[in-house]
Amino acid sequence: MRVLLTAAAAAAFMVPMTAQALVTETFEGFDPGTAITAPNNEILGGRATIGSPTNELRVYPTDGSGGRDGDLEYPVGQGNALILQSRPGRAPNDDANGGTLTIDFAQPTDLVEITLFDFERGEFVEFYNGAVGGANLIGRVDGTAREFSNNAQTDAATVTVAFAALANAGLAQGITQLTILTDASTAFDDLVVTPIPGAAVLLGTALAGLAWRRRQRA
């Protein structure tokens, strides 16, 4: 038996929606040195938390105007970045031991890309759909650049990661929780995502249901 989705049937499953659009978090809306803690921990409409009580999320100005971490100072134009602060309450300084950053999105979201600063040779960053665990791993990126001195950074220490190029790129689609694990002092900026409009989710569910029904009756 063939089951066809007519225009009228499709319309019945849909509600008004806007086109999917890219959204970028540049952290420029935060004052330099700001600690991103609850209840003021909103990022891209979701909530950001970290995995260690000895860390906190901080906004670092990469022009060096509000911090003292020389290896995070970049040429003019980079603006603010997000770091895992090693000692809460002190001048911004990213933790040499790394840690985890988790963002719980308010709606299913497609990940597009993210920029890593101070990402050096021998370091790694892993991205997970949900909690840290092998089955949830979207992909891993290893640092290849070597920095020779503070305050003399080059673009080699800055990497833009495209989620579509990672090993398990499919896990970067329609996620509600992103966990980022880093083993060293990596900073984050320009997180680009595409929130999925509610109607798109409903239509996808409807189509999946029709496909299942068709298989059952075949």
C-alpha atoms as a PDB file:
ATOM      1  CA  MET A   1       0.000   0.000   0.000  1.00  0.00           C
ATOM      2  CA  ARG A   2       1.320   3.427  -0.907  1.00  0.00           C
ATOM      3  CA  VAL A   3       0.954   6.294   1.538  1.00  0.00           C
ATOM      4  CA  LEU A   4       1.311   9.728  -0.025  1.00  0.00           C
ATOM      5  CA  LEU A   5       1.753  12.972   1.865  1.00  0.00           C
ATOM      6  CA  THR A   6      -0.344  15.520   0.039  1.00  0.00           C
ATOM      7  CA  ALA A   7       0.107  19.274   0.364  1.00  0.00           C
ATOM      8  CA  ALA A   8      -3.012  19.420   2.506  1.00  0.00           C
ATOM      9  CA  ALA A   9      -1.760  16.693   4.804  1.00  0.00           C
ATOM     10  CA  ALA A  10       1.614  18.352   5.115  1.00  0.00           C
ATOM     11  CA  ALA A  11      -0.054  21.618   6.038  1.00  0.00           C
ATOM     12  CA  ALA A  12      -1.964  19.867   8.792  1.00  0.00           C
ATOM     13  CA  PHE A  13       1.277  18.857  10.458  1.00  0.00           C
ATOM     14  CA  MET A  14       2.875  22.289  10.216  1.00  0.00           C
ATOM     15  CA  VAL A  15       2.549  25.465  12.250  1.00  0.00           C
ATOM     16  CA  PRO A  16       3.801  28.912  11.231  1.00  0.00           C
ATOM     17  CA  MET A  17       7.580  28.999  11.125  1.00  0.00           C
ATOM     18  CA  THR A  18      10.428  31.222  10.063  1.00  0.00           C
ATOM     19  CA  ALA A  19      13.336  30.150   7.895  1.00  0.00           C
ATOM     20  CA  GLN A  20      16.212  28.510   9.700  1.00  0.00           C
ATOM     21  CA  ALA A  21      18.927  31.086  10.292  1.00  0.00           C
ATOM     22  CA  LEU A  22      22.480  31.028  11.582  1.00  0.00           C
ATOM     23  CA  VAL A  23      23.033  32.444  15.049  1.00  0.00           C
ATOM     24  CA  THR A  24      26.515  33.336  16.325  1.00  0.00           C
ATOM     25  CA  GLU A  25      27.674  33.851  19.907  1.00  0.00           C
ATOM     26  CA  THR A  26      30.699  36.186  19.820  1.00  0.00           C
ATOM     27  CA  PHE A  27      30.649  37.089  23.539  1.00  0.00           C
ATOM     28  CA  GLU A  28      30.864  40.742  22.574  1.00  0.00           C
ATOM     29  CA  GLY A  29      27.663  41.388  24.491  1.00  0.00           C
ATOM     30  CA  PHE A  30      29.430  40.626  27.769  1.00  0.00           C
ATOM     31  CA  ASP A  31      31.674  43.018  29.661  1.00  0.00           C
ATOM     32  CA  PRO A  32      35.315  41.835  29.763  1.00  0.00           C
ATOM     33  CA  GLY A  33      36.007  39.799  32.872  1.00  0.00           C
ATOM     34  CA  THR A  34      32.343  38.834  33.314  1.00  0.00           C
ATOM     35  CA  ALA A  35      31.792  35.535  35.112  1.00  0.00           C
ATOM     36  CA  ILE A  36      29.028  33.577  33.361  1.00  0.00           C
ATOM     37  CA  THR A  37      27.273  31.967  36.298  1.00  0.00           C
ATOM     38  CA  ALA A  38      23.650  31.140  37.118  1.00  0.00           C
ATOM     39  CA  PRO A  39      21.232  32.746  36.741  1.00  0.00           C
ATOM     40  CA  ASN A  40      23.124  34.942  34.237  1.00  0.00           C
ATOM     41  CA  ASN A  41      24.601  32.090  32.231  1.00  0.00           C
ATOM     42  CA  GLU A  42      22.573  32.273  29.040  1.00  0.00           C
ATOM     43  CA  ILE A  43      24.378  31.482  25.787  1.00  0.00           C
ATOM     44  CA  LEU A  44      22.479  31.229  22.503  1.00  0.00           C
ATOM     45  CA  GLY A  45      19.191  30.924  24.327  1.00  0.00           C
ATOM     46  CA  GLY A  46      20.485  28.029  26.437  1.00  0.00           C
ATOM     47  CA  ARG A  47      22.308  27.638  29.728  1.00  0.00           C
ATOM     48  CA  ALA A  48      26.074  27.175  30.053  1.00  0.00           C
ATOM     49  CA  THR A  49      27.683  25.276  32.937  1.00  0.00           C
ATOM     50  CA  ILE A  50      31.077  23.772  33.696  1.00  0.00           C
ATOM     51  CA  GLY A  51      32.105  20.453  35.169  1.00  0.00           C
ATOM     52  CA  SER A  52      34.365  21.585  38.024  1.00  0.00           C
ATOM     53  CA  PRO A  53      33.476  23.653  41.104  1.00  0.00           C
ATOM     54  CA  THR A  54      37.034  25.018  41.117  1.00  0.00           C
ATOM     55  CA  ASN A  55      36.512  26.696  37.726  1.00  0.00           C
ATOM     56  CA  GLU A  56      34.149  29.302  36.385  1.00  0.00           C
ATOM     57  CA  LEU A  57      33.316  30.580  32.916  1.00  0.00           C
ATOM     58  CA  ARG A  58      34.873  33.968  32.194  1.00  0.00           C
ATOM     59  CA  VAL A  59      34.813  36.388  29.302  1.00  0.00           C
ATOM     60  CA  TYR A  60      38.369  37.309  28.331  1.00  0.00           C
ATOM     61  CA  PRO A  61      39.253  40.362  26.202  1.00  0.00           C
ATOM     62  CA  THR A  62      41.881  39.136  23.752  1.00  0.00           C
ATOM     63  CA  ASP A  63      43.315  42.629  23.353  1.00  0.00           C
ATOM     64  CA  GLY A  64      44.713  42.243  26.893  1.00  0.00           C
ATOM     65  CA  SER A  65      42.743  45.187  28.275  1.00  0.00           C
ATOM     66  CA  GLY A  66      41.149  43.301  31.124  1.00  0.00           C
ATOM     67  CA  GLY A  67      43.334  40.316  31.898  1.00  0.00           C
ATOM     68  CA  ARG A  68      46.859  39.144  32.418  1.00  0.00           C
ATOM     69  CA  ASP A  69      47.005  35.948  30.358  1.00  0.00           C
ATOM     70  CA  GLY A  70      49.542  36.797  27.667  1.00  0.00           C
ATOM     71  CA  ASP A  71      49.021  33.698  25.552  1.00  0.00           C
ATOM     72  CA  LEU A  72      45.412  34.720  24.991  1.00  0.00           C
ATOM     73  CA  GLU A  73      46.285  38.136  23.611  1.00  0.00           C
ATOM     74  CA  TYR A  74      45.668  38.395  19.894  1.00  0.00           C
ATOM     75  CA  PRO A  75      45.789  41.114  17.252  1.00  0.00           C
ATOM     76  CA  VAL A  76      43.062  43.731  17.260  1.00  0.00           C
ATOM     77  CA  GLY A  77      39.753  42.447  15.972  1.00  0.00           C
ATOM     78  CA  GLN A  78      39.437  39.129  17.807  1.00  0.00           C
ATOM     79  CA  GLY A  79      37.361  40.658  20.602  1.00  0.00           C
ATOM     80  CA  ASN A  80      36.134  38.652  23.585  1.00  0.00           C
ATOM     81  CA  ALA A  81      36.534  34.915  24.072  1.00  0.00           C
ATOM     82  CA  LEU A  82      35.209  32.436  26.641  1.00  0.00           C
ATOM     83  CA  ILE A  83      37.654  30.719  29.002  1.00  0.00           C
ATOM     84  CA  LEU A  84      37.512  28.189  31.832  1.00  0.00           C
ATOM     85  CA  GLN A  85      38.792  30.401  34.631  1.00  0.00           C
ATOM     86  CA  SER A  86      41.298  28.541  36.802  1.00  0.00           C
ATOM     87  CA  ARG A  87      40.823  30.509  40.008  1.00  0.00           C
ATOM     88  CA  PRO A  88      37.426  32.158  40.483  1.00  0.00           C
ATOM     89  CA  GLY A  89      37.505  35.683  41.793  1.00  0.00           C
ATOM     90  CA  ARG A  90      40.930  36.540  40.379  1.00  0.00           C
ATOM     91  CA  ALA A  91      42.116  38.178  37.168  1.00  0.00           C
ATOM     92  CA  PRO A  92      41.028  36.176  34.093  1.00  0.00           C
ATOM     93  CA  ASN A  93      43.402  33.299  33.410  1.00  0.00           C
ATOM     94  CA  ASP A  94      42.443  30.089  31.614  1.00  0.00           C
ATOM     95  CA  ASP A  95      43.022  26.758  33.357  1.00  0.00           C
ATOM     96  CA  ALA A  96      46.085  24.903  32.071  1.00  0.00           C
ATOM     97  CA  ASN A  97      44.348  21.613  32.918  1.00  0.00           C
ATOM     98  CA  GLY A  98      41.274  22.317  30.812  1.00  0.00           C
ATOM     99  CA  GLY A  99      37.836  21.051  31.812  1.00  0.00           C
ATOM    100  CA  THR A 100      34.310  20.705  30.443  1.00  0.00           C
ATOM    101  CA  LEU A 101      31.815  23.242  29.162  1.00  0.00           C
ATOM    102  CA  THR A 102      28.172  22.199  28.719  1.00  0.00           C
ATOM    103  CA  ILE A 103      25.495  24.178  26.907  1.00  0.00           C
ATOM    104  CA  ASP A 104      21.864  23.098  27.256  1.00  0.00           C
ATOM    105  CA  PHE A 105      19.946  24.558  24.326  1.00  0.00           C
ATOM    106  CA  ALA A 106      16.339  25.680  24.691  1.00  0.00           C
ATOM    107  CA  GLN A 107      15.367  23.861  21.473  1.00  0.00           C
ATOM    108  CA  PRO A 108      16.914  21.313  19.088  1.00  0.00           C
ATOM    109  CA  THR A 109      19.898  22.946  17.407  1.00  0.00           C
ATOM    110  CA  ASP A 110      22.285  22.185  14.546  1.00  0.00           C
ATOM    111  CA  LEU A 111      25.938  22.947  15.297  1.00  0.00           C
ATOM    112  CA  VAL A 112      27.809  24.739  12.507  1.00  0.00           C
ATOM    113  CA  GLU A 113      31.244  25.835  13.726  1.00  0.00           C
ATOM    114  CA  ILE A 114      33.308  27.135  16.628  1.00  0.00           C
ATOM    115  CA  THR A 115      36.652  28.954  16.889  1.00  0.00           C
ATOM    116  CA  LEU A 116      39.380  27.818  19.295  1.00  0.00           C
ATOM    117  CA  PHE A 117      42.077  30.187  20.601  1.00  0.00           C
ATOM    118  CA  ASP A 118      45.396  29.290  22.220  1.00  0.00           C
ATOM    119  CA  PHE A 119      45.024  25.797  20.769  1.00  0.00           C
ATOM    120  CA  GLU A 120      48.536  24.407  20.825  1.00  0.00           C
ATOM    121  CA  ARG A 121      50.388  21.303  19.721  1.00  0.00           C
ATOM    122  CA  GLY A 122      49.684  18.310  21.957  1.00  0.00           C
ATOM    123  CA  GLU A 123      46.294  19.590  23.129  1.00  0.00           C
ATOM    124  CA  PHE A 124      42.878  18.260  22.145  1.00  0.00           C
ATOM    125  CA  VAL A 125      39.243  19.301  22.227  1.00  0.00           C
ATOM    126  CA  GLU A 126      36.347  16.821  22.028  1.00  0.00           C
ATOM    127  CA  PHE A 127      32.704  17.582  21.277  1.00  0.00           C
ATOM    128  CA  TYR A 128      29.794  15.472  22.552  1.00  0.00           C
ATOM    129  CA  ASN A 129      26.072  15.286  21.916  1.00  0.00           C
ATOM    130  CA  GLY A 130      25.035  15.100  25.568  1.00  0.00           C
ATOM    131  CA  ALA A 131      27.277  13.745  28.305  1.00  0.00           C
ATOM    132  CA  VAL A 132      30.894  12.720  27.761  1.00  0.00           C
ATOM    133  CA  GLY A 133      30.911   9.164  26.460  1.00  0.00           C
ATOM    134  CA  GLY A 134      32.074   7.225  23.421  1.00  0.00           C
ATOM    135  CA  ALA A 135      28.633   6.823  21.865  1.00  0.00           C
ATOM    136  CA  ASN A 136      28.026  10.571  22.089  1.00  0.00           C
ATOM    137  CA  LEU A 137      31.317  11.718  20.559  1.00  0.00           C
ATOM    138  CA  ILE A 138      30.766  14.077  17.625  1.00  0.00           C
ATOM    139  CA  GLY A 139      34.482  14.375  16.998  1.00  0.00           C
ATOM    140  CA  ARG A 140      37.928  15.300  18.283  1.00  0.00           C
ATOM    141  CA  VAL A 141      40.347  17.985  17.138  1.00  0.00           C
ATOM    142  CA  ASP A 142      44.072  17.907  17.949  1.00  0.00           C
ATOM    143  CA  GLY A 143      46.216  21.018  18.159  1.00  0.00           C
ATOM    144  CA  THR A 144      49.123  21.272  15.737  1.00  0.00           C
ATOM    145  CA  ALA A 145      50.431  24.817  16.233  1.00  0.00           C
ATOM    146  CA  ARG A 146      53.321  25.819  18.438  1.00  0.00           C
ATOM    147  CA  GLU A 147      53.429  29.229  20.077  1.00  0.00           C
ATOM    148  CA  PHE A 148      56.868  30.687  20.517  1.00  0.00           C
ATOM    149  CA  SER A 149      56.223  33.535  22.957  1.00  0.00           C
ATOM    150  CA  ASN A 150      53.483  35.413  24.735  1.00  0.00           C
ATOM    151  CA  ASN A 151      51.981  38.460  23.028  1.00  0.00           C
ATOM    152  CA  ALA A 152      53.246  37.275  19.641  1.00  0.00           C
ATOM    153  CA  GLN A 153      50.393  35.085  18.526  1.00  0.00           C
ATOM    154  CA  THR A 154      49.721  34.052  14.964  1.00  0.00           C
ATOM    155  CA  ASP A 155      46.661  32.648  13.229  1.00  0.00           C
ATOM    156  CA  ALA A 156      48.283  29.210  13.500  1.00  0.00           C
ATOM    157  CA  ALA A 157      47.137  29.042  17.121  1.00  0.00           C
ATOM    158  CA  THR A 158      43.548  29.828  16.106  1.00  0.00           C
ATOM    159  CA  VAL A 159      41.435  27.030  14.624  1.00  0.00           C
ATOM    160  CA  THR A 160      37.880  27.183  13.285  1.00  0.00           C
ATOM    161  CA  VAL A 161      36.204  23.798  13.642  1.00  0.00           C
ATOM    162  CA  ALA A 162      33.416  22.929  11.189  1.00  0.00           C
ATOM    163  CA  PHE A 163      31.145  20.355  12.836  1.00  0.00           C
ATOM    164  CA  ALA A 164      30.180  18.960   9.430  1.00  0.00           C
ATOM    165  CA  ALA A 165      33.805  17.854   8.988  1.00  0.00           C
ATOM    166  CA  LEU A 166      34.010  15.865  12.233  1.00  0.00           C
ATOM    167  CA  ALA A 167      33.948  12.065  12.334  1.00  0.00           C
ATOM    168  CA  ASN A 168      30.362  11.702  13.553  1.00  0.00           C
ATOM    169  CA  ALA A 169      28.909  14.881  12.074  1.00  0.00           C
ATOM    170  CA  GLY A 170      25.363  13.521  12.205  1.00  0.00           C
ATOM    171  CA  LEU A 171      25.433  13.794  15.992  1.00  0.00           C
ATOM    172  CA  ALA A 172      25.863  17.562  15.651  1.00  0.00           C
ATOM    173  CA  GLN A 173      22.347  17.891  14.216  1.00  0.00           C
ATOM    174  CA  GLY A 174      19.250  18.567  16.270  1.00  0.00           C
ATOM    175  CA  ILE A 175      21.023  18.396  19.618  1.00  0.00           C
ATOM    176  CA  THR A 176      19.783  19.834  22.889  1.00  0.00           C
ATOM    177  CA  GLN A 177      23.004  19.528  24.871  1.00  0.00           C
ATOM    178  CA  LEU A 178      26.589  20.189  23.752  1.00  0.00           C
ATOM    179  CA  THR A 179      29.511  19.188  25.960  1.00  0.00           C
ATOM    180  CA  ILE A 180      33.011  20.398  25.106  1.00  0.00           C
ATOM    181  CA  LEU A 181      35.976  18.683  26.757  1.00  0.00           C
ATOM    182  CA  THR A 182      39.465  20.182  26.597  1.00  0.00           C
ATOM    183  CA  ASP A 183      42.649  18.915  28.229  1.00  0.00           C
ATOM    184  CA  ALA A 184      44.432  22.271  28.316  1.00  0.00           C
ATOM    185  CA  SER A 185      44.011  26.052  28.267  1.00  0.00           C
ATOM    186  CA  THR A 186      41.891  26.492  25.160  1.00  0.00           C
ATOM    187  CA  ALA A 187      39.545  29.460  24.746  1.00  0.00           C
ATOM    188  CA  PHE A 188      36.301  29.482  22.717  1.00  0.00           C
ATOM    189  CA  ASP A 189      34.699  32.055  20.445  1.00  0.00           C
ATOM    190  CA  ASP A 190      32.276  32.481  17.541  1.00  0.00           C
ATOM    191  CA  LEU A 191      30.023  29.503  18.240  1.00  0.00           C
ATOM    192  CA  VAL A 192      27.712  29.316  15.224  1.00  0.00           C
ATOM    193  CA  VAL A 193      24.496  27.277  15.376  1.00  0.00           C
ATOM    194  CA  THR A 194      21.147  26.946  13.629  1.00  0.00           C
ATOM    195  CA  PRO A 195      18.158  26.576  15.973  1.00  0.00           C
ATOM    196  CA  ILE A 196      15.520  24.307  14.420  1.00  0.00           C
ATOM    197  CA  PRO A 197      12.073  25.924  14.227  1.00  0.00           C
ATOM    198  CA  GLY A 198       9.389  23.947  16.017  1.00  0.00           C
ATOM    199  CA  ALA A 199       7.416  23.322  12.814  1.00  0.00           C
ATOM    200  CA  ALA A 200      10.413  21.678  11.194  1.00  0.00           C
ATOM    201  CA  VAL A 201      10.646  19.264  14.103  1.00  0.00           C
ATOM    202  CA  LEU A 202       6.924  18.482  13.906  1.00  0.00           C
ATOM    203  CA  LEU A 203       7.048  17.881  10.167  1.00  0.00           C
ATOM    204  CA  GLY A 204      10.080  15.630  10.509  1.00  0.00           C
ATOM    205  CA  THR A 205       8.291  13.588  13.146  1.00  0.00           C
ATOM    206  CA  ALA A 206       5.190  13.337  10.968  1.00  0.00           C
ATOM    207  CA  LEU A 207       7.173  12.166   7.951  1.00  0.00           C
ATOM    208  CA  ALA A 208       8.986   9.585  10.040  1.00  0.00           C
ATOM    209  CA  GLY A 209       5.641   8.303  11.313  1.00  0.00           C
ATOM    210  CA  LEU A 210       4.245   7.983   7.802  1.00  0.00           C
ATOM    211  CA  ALA A 211       7.321   6.122   6.631  1.00  0.00           C
ATOM    212  CA  TRP A 212       6.946   3.661   9.538  1.00  0.00           C
ATOM    213  CA  ARG A 213       3.255   3.165   8.734  1.00  0.00           C
ATOM    214  CA  ARG A 214       4.086   2.475   5.115  1.00  0.00           C
ATOM    215  CA  ARG A 215       6.614  -0.205   6.078  1.00  0.00           C
ATOM    216  CA  GLN A 216       4.123  -1.825   8.459  1.00  0.00           C
ATOM    217  CA  ARG A 217       1.486  -2.121   5.705  1.00  0.00           C
ATOM    218  CA  ALA A 218       3.813  -3.190   2.918  1.00  0.00           C
END
